[in-house]
């Protein structure tokens, strides 16, 4: 009796081996390799996601407004006056900075 050496039997054995490999690959579980207890690898952390969505944004909406309407020449004049020391302090406030108790 001769061994199975025909091209057809080699093709059948190769196909069976490939099918067996694919079948066994389906048994692999990603959660066992990463040691995570999730429904699926794509599942996220719902508690942290909900906390992030409910966090109050500390910046008011107008901060994001980039359409500023101002006179550039007047702003430059005021800046030059401030740097030269030609400004007067506001009523009830110190010009040197710091915190003052306002009545």
PDB file of N, CA and C in Angstrom:
ATOM      1  N   UNK A   1       0.841  -1.175   0.000  1.00  0.00           N
ATOM      2  CA  UNK A   1       0.000   0.000   0.000  1.00  0.00           C
ATOM      3  C   UNK A   1       0.884   1.235   0.000  1.00  0.00           C
ATOM      4  N   UNK A   2       0.526   2.188  -0.837  1.00  0.00           N
ATOM      5  CA  UNK A   2       1.319   3.391  -0.963  1.00  0.00           C
ATOM      6  C   UNK A   2       0.737   4.510  -0.083  1.00  0.00           C
ATOM      7  N   UNK A   3       1.614   5.375   0.447  1.00  0.00           N
ATOM      8  CA  UNK A   3       1.108   6.493   1.259  1.00  0.00           C
ATOM      9  C   UNK A   3       0.352   7.498   0.386  1.00  0.00           C
ATOM     10  N   UNK A   4      -0.457   8.312   1.042  1.00  0.00           N
ATOM     11  CA  UNK A   4      -1.235   9.323   0.312  1.00  0.00           C
ATOM     12  C   UNK A   4      -0.315  10.463  -0.086  1.00  0.00           C
ATOM     13  N   UNK A   5       0.101  10.424  -1.318  1.00  0.00           N
ATOM     14  CA  UNK A   5       1.007  11.461  -1.808  1.00  0.00           C
ATOM     15  C   UNK A   5       0.430  12.226  -2.986  1.00  0.00           C
ATOM     16  N   UNK A   6      -0.781  11.966  -3.327  1.00  0.00           N
ATOM     17  CA  UNK A   6      -1.369  12.655  -4.478  1.00  0.00           C
ATOM     18  C   UNK A   6      -1.609  14.123  -4.135  1.00  0.00           C
ATOM     19  N   UNK A   7      -1.681  14.919  -5.165  1.00  0.00           N
ATOM     20  CA  UNK A   7      -1.890  16.360  -4.982  1.00  0.00           C
ATOM     21  C   UNK A   7      -3.258  16.644  -4.368  1.00  0.00           C
ATOM     22  N   UNK A   8      -4.232  15.795  -4.705  1.00  0.00           N
ATOM     23  CA  UNK A   8      -5.583  15.997  -4.183  1.00  0.00           C
ATOM     24  C   UNK A   8      -5.626  15.751  -2.687  1.00  0.00           C
ATOM     25  N   UNK A   9      -4.970  14.702  -2.221  1.00  0.00           N
ATOM     26  CA  UNK A   9      -4.991  14.410  -0.787  1.00  0.00           C
ATOM     27  C   UNK A   9      -4.211  15.472  -0.010  1.00  0.00           C
ATOM     28  N   UNK A  10      -3.142  16.014  -0.622  1.00  0.00           N
ATOM     29  CA  UNK A  10      -2.403  17.082   0.039  1.00  0.00           C
ATOM     30  C   UNK A  10      -3.277  18.333   0.163  1.00  0.00           C
ATOM     31  N   UNK A  11      -4.038  18.618  -0.854  1.00  0.00           N
ATOM     32  CA  UNK A  11      -4.925  19.779  -0.828  1.00  0.00           C
ATOM     33  C   UNK A  11      -6.020  19.600   0.216  1.00  0.00           C
ATOM     34  N   UNK A  12      -6.545  18.379   0.315  1.00  0.00           N
ATOM     35  CA  UNK A  12      -7.598  18.111   1.297  1.00  0.00           C
ATOM     36  C   UNK A  12      -7.041  18.255   2.706  1.00  0.00           C
ATOM     37  N   UNK A  13      -5.859  17.683   2.950  1.00  0.00           N
ATOM     38  CA  UNK A  13      -5.249  17.778   4.278  1.00  0.00           C
ATOM     39  C   UNK A  13      -4.916  19.241   4.621  1.00  0.00           C
ATOM     40  N   UNK A  14      -4.435  19.996   3.652  1.00  0.00           N
ATOM     41  CA  UNK A  14      -4.134  21.409   3.896  1.00  0.00           C
ATOM     42  C   UNK A  14      -5.404  22.187   4.217  1.00  0.00           C
ATOM     43  N   UNK A  15      -6.475  21.898   3.502  1.00  0.00           N
ATOM     44  CA  UNK A  15      -7.755  22.549   3.760  1.00  0.00           C
ATOM     45  C   UNK A  15      -8.305  22.201   5.125  1.00  0.00           C
ATOM     46  N   UNK A  16      -8.194  20.927   5.504  1.00  0.00           N
ATOM     47  CA  UNK A  16      -8.663  20.510   6.829  1.00  0.00           C
ATOM     48  C   UNK A  16      -7.824  21.165   7.928  1.00  0.00           C
ATOM     49  N   UNK A  17      -6.530  21.244   7.711  1.00  0.00           N
ATOM     50  CA  UNK A  17      -5.668  21.881   8.717  1.00  0.00           C
ATOM     51  C   UNK A  17      -5.998  23.360   8.843  1.00  0.00           C
ATOM     52  N   UNK A  18      -6.232  24.038   7.738  1.00  0.00           N
ATOM     53  CA  UNK A  18      -6.593  25.457   7.778  1.00  0.00           C
ATOM     54  C   UNK A  18      -7.942  25.653   8.461  1.00  0.00           C
ATOM     55  N   UNK A  19      -8.900  24.789   8.164  1.00  0.00           N
ATOM     56  CA  UNK A  19     -10.212  24.870   8.807  1.00  0.00           C
ATOM     57  C   UNK A  19     -10.124  24.637  10.301  1.00  0.00           C
ATOM     58  N   UNK A  20      -9.299  23.689  10.705  1.00  0.00           N
ATOM     59  CA  UNK A  20      -9.116  23.411  12.120  1.00  0.00           C
ATOM     60  C   UNK A  20      -8.470  24.605  12.823  1.00  0.00           C
ATOM     61  N   UNK A  21      -7.499  25.220  12.172  1.00  0.00           N
ATOM     62  CA  UNK A  21      -6.867  26.412  12.752  1.00  0.00           C
ATOM     63  C   UNK A  21      -7.876  27.542  12.906  1.00  0.00           C
ATOM     64  N   UNK A  22      -8.714  27.758  11.910  1.00  0.00           N
ATOM     65  CA  UNK A  22      -9.732  28.809  12.001  1.00  0.00           C
ATOM     66  C   UNK A  22     -10.747  28.505  13.092  1.00  0.00           C
ATOM     67  N   UNK A  23     -11.107  27.226  13.222  1.00  0.00           N
ATOM     68  CA  UNK A  23     -12.062  26.821  14.249  1.00  0.00           C
ATOM     69  C   UNK A  23     -11.479  27.056  15.633  1.00  0.00           C
ATOM     70  N   UNK A  24     -10.219  26.703  15.814  1.00  0.00           N
ATOM     71  CA  UNK A  24      -9.594  26.899  17.112  1.00  0.00           C
ATOM     72  C   UNK A  24      -9.323  28.375  17.398  1.00  0.00           C
ATOM     73  N   UNK A  25      -9.109  29.173  16.382  1.00  0.00           N
ATOM     74  CA  UNK A  25      -8.887  30.604  16.586  1.00  0.00           C
ATOM     75  C   UNK A  25     -10.149  31.275  17.113  1.00  0.00           C
ATOM     76  N   UNK A  26     -11.300  30.755  16.769  1.00  0.00           N
ATOM     77  CA  UNK A  26     -12.549  31.305  17.268  1.00  0.00           C
ATOM     78  C   UNK A  26     -12.749  31.048  18.742  1.00  0.00           C
ATOM     79  N   UNK A  27     -12.054  30.082  19.297  1.00  0.00           N
ATOM     80  CA  UNK A  27     -12.173  29.774  20.719  1.00  0.00           C
ATOM     81  C   UNK A  27     -11.323  30.704  21.573  1.00  0.00           C
ATOM     82  N   UNK A  28     -10.452  31.468  20.954  1.00  0.00           N
ATOM     83  CA  UNK A  28      -9.587  32.368  21.689  1.00  0.00           C
ATOM     84  C   UNK A  28     -10.414  33.504  22.287  1.00  0.00           C
ATOM     85  N   UNK A  29     -10.179  33.817  23.528  1.00  0.00           N
ATOM     86  CA  UNK A  29     -10.899  34.894  24.193  1.00  0.00           C
ATOM     87  C   UNK A  29      -9.921  35.990  24.567  1.00  0.00           C
ATOM     88  N   UNK A  30     -10.180  37.180  24.091  1.00  0.00           N
ATOM     89  CA  UNK A  30      -9.291  38.306  24.331  1.00  0.00           C
ATOM     90  C   UNK A  30      -9.254  38.683  25.808  1.00  0.00           C
ATOM     91  N   UNK A  31     -10.376  38.539  26.506  1.00  0.00           N
ATOM     92  CA  UNK A  31     -10.440  38.963  27.906  1.00  0.00           C
ATOM     93  C   UNK A  31      -9.548  38.118  28.802  1.00  0.00           C
ATOM     94  N   UNK A  32      -9.263  36.890  28.404  1.00  0.00           N
ATOM     95  CA  UNK A  32      -8.380  36.076  29.224  1.00  0.00           C
ATOM     96  C   UNK A  32      -6.937  36.537  29.090  1.00  0.00           C
ATOM     97  N   UNK A  33      -6.572  37.103  27.960  1.00  0.00           N
ATOM     98  CA  UNK A  33      -5.200  37.564  27.775  1.00  0.00           C
ATOM     99  C   UNK A  33      -4.969  38.903  28.469  1.00  0.00           C
ATOM    100  N   UNK A  34      -5.973  39.769  28.511  1.00  0.00           N
ATOM    101  CA  UNK A  34      -5.797  41.087  29.114  1.00  0.00           C
ATOM    102  C   UNK A  34      -6.255  41.126  30.561  1.00  0.00           C
ATOM    103  N   UNK A  35      -6.864  40.091  31.032  1.00  0.00           N
ATOM    104  CA  UNK A  35      -7.371  39.987  32.409  1.00  0.00           C
ATOM    105  C   UNK A  35      -8.342  41.123  32.722  1.00  0.00           C
ATOM    106  N   UNK A  36      -9.239  41.389  31.827  1.00  0.00           N
ATOM    107  CA  UNK A  36     -10.269  42.393  32.032  1.00  0.00           C
ATOM    108  C   UNK A  36     -11.624  41.702  32.073  1.00  0.00           C
ATOM    109  N   UNK A  37     -12.491  42.214  32.915  1.00  0.00           N
ATOM    110  CA  UNK A  37     -13.825  41.641  33.040  1.00  0.00           C
ATOM    111  C   UNK A  37     -14.814  42.559  32.331  1.00  0.00           C
ATOM    112  N   UNK A  38     -14.909  42.406  31.020  1.00  0.00           N
ATOM    113  CA  UNK A  38     -15.815  43.219  30.215  1.00  0.00           C
ATOM    114  C   UNK A  38     -16.706  42.312  29.382  1.00  0.00           C
ATOM    115  N   UNK A  39     -17.761  42.903  28.865  1.00  0.00           N
ATOM    116  CA  UNK A  39     -18.650  42.165  27.988  1.00  0.00           C
ATOM    117  C   UNK A  39     -17.937  41.834  26.687  1.00  0.00           C
ATOM    118  N   UNK A  40     -17.177  42.793  26.178  1.00  0.00           N
ATOM    119  CA  UNK A  40     -16.403  42.595  24.960  1.00  0.00           C
ATOM    120  C   UNK A  40     -15.158  43.479  25.021  1.00  0.00           C
ATOM    121  N   UNK A  41     -14.174  43.209  24.189  1.00  0.00           N
ATOM    122  CA  UNK A  41     -12.976  44.056  24.209  1.00  0.00           C
ATOM    123  C   UNK A  41     -13.256  45.509  23.839  1.00  0.00           C
ATOM    124  N   UNK A  42     -14.329  45.760  23.111  1.00  0.00           N
ATOM    125  CA  UNK A  42     -14.658  47.116  22.697  1.00  0.00           C
ATOM    126  C   UNK A  42     -15.449  47.873  23.765  1.00  0.00           C
ATOM    127  N   UNK A  43     -15.906  47.159  24.813  1.00  0.00           N
ATOM    128  CA  UNK A  43     -16.687  47.822  25.851  1.00  0.00           C
ATOM    129  C   UNK A  43     -15.794  48.736  26.668  1.00  0.00           C
ATOM    130  N   UNK A  44     -16.274  49.937  26.981  1.00  0.00           N
ATOM    131  CA  UNK A  44     -15.481  50.906  27.727  1.00  0.00           C
ATOM    132  C   UNK A  44     -15.908  50.978  29.173  1.00  0.00           C
ATOM    133  N   UNK A  45     -15.454  52.002  29.854  1.00  0.00           N
ATOM    134  CA  UNK A  45     -15.783  52.223  31.244  1.00  0.00           C
ATOM    135  C   UNK A  45     -16.952  53.199  31.299  1.00  0.00           C
ATOM    136  N   UNK A  46     -18.141  52.686  31.450  1.00  0.00           N
ATOM    137  CA  UNK A  46     -19.347  53.507  31.377  1.00  0.00           C
ATOM    138  C   UNK A  46     -19.443  54.493  32.532  1.00  0.00           C
ATOM    139  N   UNK A  47     -18.960  54.123  33.704  1.00  0.00           N
ATOM    140  CA  UNK A  47     -19.061  55.013  34.856  1.00  0.00           C
ATOM    141  C   UNK A  47     -18.198  56.254  34.642  1.00  0.00           C
ATOM    142  N   UNK A  48     -16.966  56.050  34.192  1.00  0.00           N
ATOM    143  CA  UNK A  48     -16.101  57.203  33.953  1.00  0.00           C
ATOM    144  C   UNK A  48     -16.606  58.044  32.786  1.00  0.00           C
ATOM    145  N   UNK A  49     -17.180  57.415  31.781  1.00  0.00           N
ATOM    146  CA  UNK A  49     -17.728  58.172  30.658  1.00  0.00           C
ATOM    147  C   UNK A  49     -18.894  59.042  31.120  1.00  0.00           C
ATOM    148  N   UNK A  50     -19.764  58.498  31.969  1.00  0.00           N
ATOM    149  CA  UNK A  50     -20.892  59.275  32.482  1.00  0.00           C
ATOM    150  C   UNK A  50     -20.406  60.424  33.362  1.00  0.00           C
ATOM    151  N   UNK A  51     -19.364  60.169  34.161  1.00  0.00           N
ATOM    152  CA  UNK A  51     -18.816  61.233  35.012  1.00  0.00           C
ATOM    153  C   UNK A  51     -18.229  62.353  34.166  1.00  0.00           C
ATOM    154  N   UNK A  52     -17.543  62.015  33.088  1.00  0.00           N
ATOM    155  CA  UNK A  52     -16.948  63.031  32.227  1.00  0.00           C
ATOM    156  C   UNK A  52     -18.020  63.851  31.524  1.00  0.00           C
ATOM    157  N   UNK A  53     -19.125  63.212  31.138  1.00  0.00           N
ATOM    158  CA  UNK A  53     -20.197  63.933  30.453  1.00  0.00           C
ATOM    159  C   UNK A  53     -20.929  64.878  31.391  1.00  0.00           C
ATOM    160  N   UNK A  54     -20.978  64.548  32.686  1.00  0.00           N
ATOM    161  CA  UNK A  54     -21.718  65.363  33.633  1.00  0.00           C
ATOM    162  C   UNK A  54     -20.843  66.382  34.360  1.00  0.00           C
ATOM    163  N   UNK A  55     -19.555  66.418  34.037  1.00  0.00           N
ATOM    164  CA  UNK A  55     -18.659  67.386  34.658  1.00  0.00           C
ATOM    165  C   UNK A  55     -18.961  68.776  34.117  1.00  0.00           C
ATOM    166  N   UNK A  56     -19.071  69.725  35.027  1.00  0.00           N
ATOM    167  CA  UNK A  56     -19.372  71.088  34.632  1.00  0.00           C
ATOM    168  C   UNK A  56     -18.104  71.707  34.065  1.00  0.00           C
ATOM    169  N   UNK A  57     -18.231  72.295  32.895  1.00  0.00           N
ATOM    170  CA  UNK A  57     -17.098  72.947  32.262  1.00  0.00           C
ATOM    171  C   UNK A  57     -16.860  74.279  32.965  1.00  0.00           C
ATOM    172  N   UNK A  58     -15.649  74.506  33.505  1.00  0.00           N
ATOM    173  CA  UNK A  58     -15.429  75.725  34.277  1.00  0.00           C
ATOM    174  C   UNK A  58     -15.347  76.997  33.439  1.00  0.00           C
ATOM    175  N   UNK A  59     -15.234  76.892  32.143  1.00  0.00           N
ATOM    176  CA  UNK A  59     -15.126  78.074  31.300  1.00  0.00           C
ATOM    177  C   UNK A  59     -16.496  78.452  30.747  1.00  0.00           C
ATOM    178  N   UNK A  60     -16.871  79.717  30.852  1.00  0.00           N
ATOM    179  CA  UNK A  60     -18.146  80.139  30.268  1.00  0.00           C
ATOM    180  C   UNK A  60     -18.085  80.106  28.745  1.00  0.00           C
ATOM    181  N   UNK A  61     -19.240  80.089  28.128  1.00  0.00           N
ATOM    182  CA  UNK A  61     -19.324  79.954  26.681  1.00  0.00           C
ATOM    183  C   UNK A  61     -18.678  81.117  25.934  1.00  0.00           C
ATOM    184  N   UNK A  62     -18.746  82.333  26.508  1.00  0.00           N
ATOM    185  CA  UNK A  62     -18.233  83.489  25.791  1.00  0.00           C
ATOM    186  C   UNK A  62     -16.703  83.468  25.666  1.00  0.00           C
ATOM    187  N   UNK A  63     -16.025  82.629  26.433  1.00  0.00           N
ATOM    188  CA  UNK A  63     -14.570  82.550  26.347  1.00  0.00           C
ATOM    189  C   UNK A  63     -14.143  82.012  24.980  1.00  0.00           C
ATOM    190  N   UNK A  64     -14.962  81.168  24.400  1.00  0.00           N
ATOM    191  CA  UNK A  64     -14.638  80.567  23.113  1.00  0.00           C
ATOM    192  C   UNK A  64     -14.934  81.481  21.931  1.00  0.00           C
ATOM    193  N   UNK A  65     -15.542  82.640  22.192  1.00  0.00           N
ATOM    194  CA  UNK A  65     -15.882  83.573  21.119  1.00  0.00           C
ATOM    195  C   UNK A  65     -14.613  84.256  20.620  1.00  0.00           C
ATOM    196  N   UNK A  66     -14.243  84.024  19.370  1.00  0.00           N
ATOM    197  CA  UNK A  66     -13.030  84.602  18.802  1.00  0.00           C
ATOM    198  C   UNK A  66     -13.311  85.847  17.969  1.00  0.00           C
ATOM    199  N   UNK A  67     -14.573  86.208  17.834  1.00  0.00           N
ATOM    200  CA  UNK A  67     -14.935  87.378  17.045  1.00  0.00           C
ATOM    201  C   UNK A  67     -14.970  88.593  17.981  1.00  0.00           C
ATOM    202  N   UNK A  68     -13.799  89.148  18.250  1.00  0.00           N
ATOM    203  CA  UNK A  68     -13.684  90.262  19.181  1.00  0.00           C
ATOM    204  C   UNK A  68     -13.818  91.575  18.418  1.00  0.00           C
ATOM    205  N   UNK A  69     -14.637  92.451  18.964  1.00  0.00           N
ATOM    206  CA  UNK A  69     -14.842  93.754  18.351  1.00  0.00           C
ATOM    207  C   UNK A  69     -14.163  94.779  19.248  1.00  0.00           C
ATOM    208  N   UNK A  70     -13.061  95.350  18.779  1.00  0.00           N
ATOM    209  CA  UNK A  70     -12.369  96.376  19.550  1.00  0.00           C
ATOM    210  C   UNK A  70     -11.546  97.245  18.624  1.00  0.00           C
ATOM    211  N   UNK A  71     -11.211  98.394  19.125  1.00  0.00           N
ATOM    212  CA  UNK A  71     -10.390  99.344  18.376  1.00  0.00           C
ATOM    213  C   UNK A  71      -8.926  99.074  18.724  1.00  0.00           C
ATOM    214  N   UNK A  72      -8.145  98.625  17.775  1.00  0.00           N
ATOM    215  CA  UNK A  72      -6.752  98.270  18.023  1.00  0.00           C
ATOM    216  C   UNK A  72      -5.887  99.461  18.368  1.00  0.00           C
ATOM    217  N   UNK A  73      -6.145 100.594  17.719  1.00  0.00           N
ATOM    218  CA  UNK A  73      -5.346 101.792  17.993  1.00  0.00           C
ATOM    219  C   UNK A  73      -5.581 102.300  19.408  1.00  0.00           C
ATOM    220  N   UNK A  74      -6.839 102.259  19.863  1.00  0.00           N
ATOM    221  CA  UNK A  74      -7.152 102.690  21.226  1.00  0.00           C
ATOM    222  C   UNK A  74      -6.542 101.725  22.240  1.00  0.00           C
ATOM    223  N   UNK A  75      -6.584 100.430  21.953  1.00  0.00           N
ATOM    224  CA  UNK A  75      -5.996  99.447  22.856  1.00  0.00           C
ATOM    225  C   UNK A  75      -4.487  99.646  22.954  1.00  0.00           C
ATOM    226  N   UNK A  76      -3.831  99.951  21.860  1.00  0.00           N
ATOM    227  CA  UNK A  76      -2.382 100.193  21.881  1.00  0.00           C
ATOM    228  C   UNK A  76      -2.064 101.460  22.679  1.00  0.00           C
ATOM    229  N   UNK A  77      -2.890 102.521  22.524  1.00  0.00           N
ATOM    230  CA  UNK A  77      -2.679 103.750  23.280  1.00  0.00           C
ATOM    231  C   UNK A  77      -2.831 103.488  24.768  1.00  0.00           C
ATOM    232  N   UNK A  78      -3.865 102.746  25.155  1.00  0.00           N
ATOM    233  CA  UNK A  78      -4.077 102.429  26.575  1.00  0.00           C
ATOM    234  C   UNK A  78      -2.933 101.593  27.129  1.00  0.00           C
ATOM    235  N   UNK A  79      -2.401 100.667  26.353  1.00  0.00           N
ATOM    236  CA  UNK A  79      -1.283  99.843  26.790  1.00  0.00           C
ATOM    237  C   UNK A  79      -0.030 100.693  26.981  1.00  0.00           C
ATOM    238  N   UNK A  80       0.225 101.599  26.048  1.00  0.00           N
ATOM    239  CA  UNK A  80       1.377 102.491  26.193  1.00  0.00           C
ATOM    240  C   UNK A  80       1.230 103.395  27.411  1.00  0.00           C
ATOM    241  N   UNK A  81       0.016 103.911  27.662  1.00  0.00           N
ATOM    242  CA  UNK A  81      -0.230 104.724  28.849  1.00  0.00           C
ATOM    243  C   UNK A  81       0.012 103.925  30.124  1.00  0.00           C
ATOM    244  N   UNK A  82      -0.428 102.673  30.134  1.00  0.00           N
ATOM    245  CA  UNK A  82      -0.251 101.819  31.316  1.00  0.00           C
ATOM    246  C   UNK A  82       1.229 101.544  31.566  1.00  0.00           C
ATOM    247  N   UNK A  83       1.969 101.253  30.505  1.00  0.00           N
ATOM    248  CA  UNK A  83       3.386 100.955  30.656  1.00  0.00           C
ATOM    249  C   UNK A  83       4.179 102.193  31.070  1.00  0.00           C
ATOM    250  N   UNK A  84       3.754 103.372  30.655  1.00  0.00           N
ATOM    251  CA  UNK A  84       4.438 104.612  31.022  1.00  0.00           C
ATOM    252  C   UNK A  84       4.035 105.103  32.407  1.00  0.00           C
ATOM    253  N   UNK A  85       3.007 104.499  32.995  1.00  0.00           N
ATOM    254  CA  UNK A  85       2.549 104.923  34.324  1.00  0.00           C
ATOM    255  C   UNK A  85       1.625 106.109  34.284  1.00  0.00           C
ATOM    256  N   UNK A  86       0.982 106.354  33.162  1.00  0.00           N
ATOM    257  CA  UNK A  86       0.084 107.493  33.007  1.00  0.00           C
ATOM    258  C   UNK A  86      -1.377 107.143  33.286  1.00  0.00           C
ATOM    259  N   UNK A  87      -1.633 106.120  34.044  1.00  0.00           N
ATOM    260  CA  UNK A  87      -3.009 105.737  34.360  1.00  0.00           C
ATOM    261  C   UNK A  87      -3.300 106.073  35.808  1.00  0.00           C
ATOM    262  N   UNK A  88      -4.548 106.284  36.134  1.00  0.00           N
ATOM    263  CA  UNK A  88      -4.931 106.557  37.514  1.00  0.00           C
ATOM    264  C   UNK A  88      -5.675 105.333  38.053  1.00  0.00           C
ATOM    265  N   UNK A  89      -5.557 105.064  39.342  1.00  0.00           N
ATOM    266  CA  UNK A  89      -6.225 103.891  39.915  1.00  0.00           C
ATOM    267  C   UNK A  89      -7.742 104.068  39.909  1.00  0.00           C
ATOM    268  N   UNK A  90      -8.421 102.942  39.900  1.00  0.00           N
ATOM    269  CA  UNK A  90      -9.877 102.981  39.965  1.00  0.00           C
ATOM    270  C   UNK A  90     -10.311 103.395  41.354  1.00  0.00           C
ATOM    271  N   UNK A  91     -11.514 103.918  41.466  1.00  0.00           N
ATOM    272  CA  UNK A  91     -12.035 104.336  42.766  1.00  0.00           C
ATOM    273  C   UNK A  91     -12.189 103.118  43.667  1.00  0.00           C
ATOM    274  N   UNK A  92     -11.568 103.175  44.865  1.00  0.00           N
ATOM    275  CA  UNK A  92     -11.728 102.104  45.847  1.00  0.00           C
ATOM    276  C   UNK A  92     -10.803 100.930  45.642  1.00  0.00           C
ATOM    277  N   UNK A  93      -9.923 100.985  44.651  1.00  0.00           N
ATOM    278  CA  UNK A  93      -9.012  99.861  44.415  1.00  0.00           C
ATOM    279  C   UNK A  93      -7.590 100.366  44.371  1.00  0.00           C
ATOM    280  N   UNK A  94      -6.657  99.501  44.738  1.00  0.00           N
ATOM    281  CA  UNK A  94      -5.251  99.871  44.666  1.00  0.00           C
ATOM    282  C   UNK A  94      -4.706  99.517  43.299  1.00  0.00           C
ATOM    283  N   UNK A  95      -3.828 100.328  42.773  1.00  0.00           N
ATOM    284  CA  UNK A  95      -3.265 100.057  41.462  1.00  0.00           C
ATOM    285  C   UNK A  95      -2.104  99.082  41.535  1.00  0.00           C
ATOM    286  N   UNK A  96      -1.538  98.849  42.729  1.00  0.00           N
ATOM    287  CA  UNK A  96      -0.384  97.953  42.863  1.00  0.00           C
ATOM    288  C   UNK A  96      -0.798  96.489  42.848  1.00  0.00           C
ATOM    289  N   UNK A  97      -2.058  96.206  42.865  1.00  0.00           N
ATOM    290  CA  UNK A  97      -2.519  94.815  42.882  1.00  0.00           C
ATOM    291  C   UNK A  97      -2.742  94.333  44.303  1.00  0.00           C
ATOM    292  N   UNK A  98      -2.916  93.073  44.474  1.00  0.00           N
ATOM    293  CA  UNK A  98      -3.185  92.519  45.792  1.00  0.00           C
ATOM    294  C   UNK A  98      -4.681  92.470  46.045  1.00  0.00           C
ATOM    295  N   UNK A  99      -5.038  92.006  47.218  1.00  0.00           N
ATOM    296  CA  UNK A  99      -6.467  91.876  47.530  1.00  0.00           C
ATOM    297  C   UNK A  99      -6.838  92.915  48.559  1.00  0.00           C
ATOM    298  N   UNK A 100      -7.922  93.587  48.311  1.00  0.00           N
ATOM    299  CA  UNK A 100      -8.443  94.573  49.249  1.00  0.00           C
ATOM    300  C   UNK A 100      -9.860  94.192  49.589  1.00  0.00           C
ATOM    301  N   UNK A 101     -10.222  94.451  50.796  1.00  0.00           N
ATOM    302  CA  UNK A 101     -11.589  94.159  51.230  1.00  0.00           C
ATOM    303  C   UNK A 101     -12.471  95.333  50.834  1.00  0.00           C
ATOM    304  N   UNK A 102     -13.410  95.097  49.996  1.00  0.00           N
ATOM    305  CA  UNK A 102     -14.315  96.134  49.523  1.00  0.00           C
ATOM    306  C   UNK A 102     -15.528  96.177  50.456  1.00  0.00           C
ATOM    307  N   UNK A 103     -15.930  97.366  50.935  1.00  0.00           N
ATOM    308  CA  UNK A 103     -17.107  97.442  51.822  1.00  0.00           C
ATOM    309  C   UNK A 103     -18.403  97.175  51.109  1.00  0.00           C
TER     310      UNK A 103
END
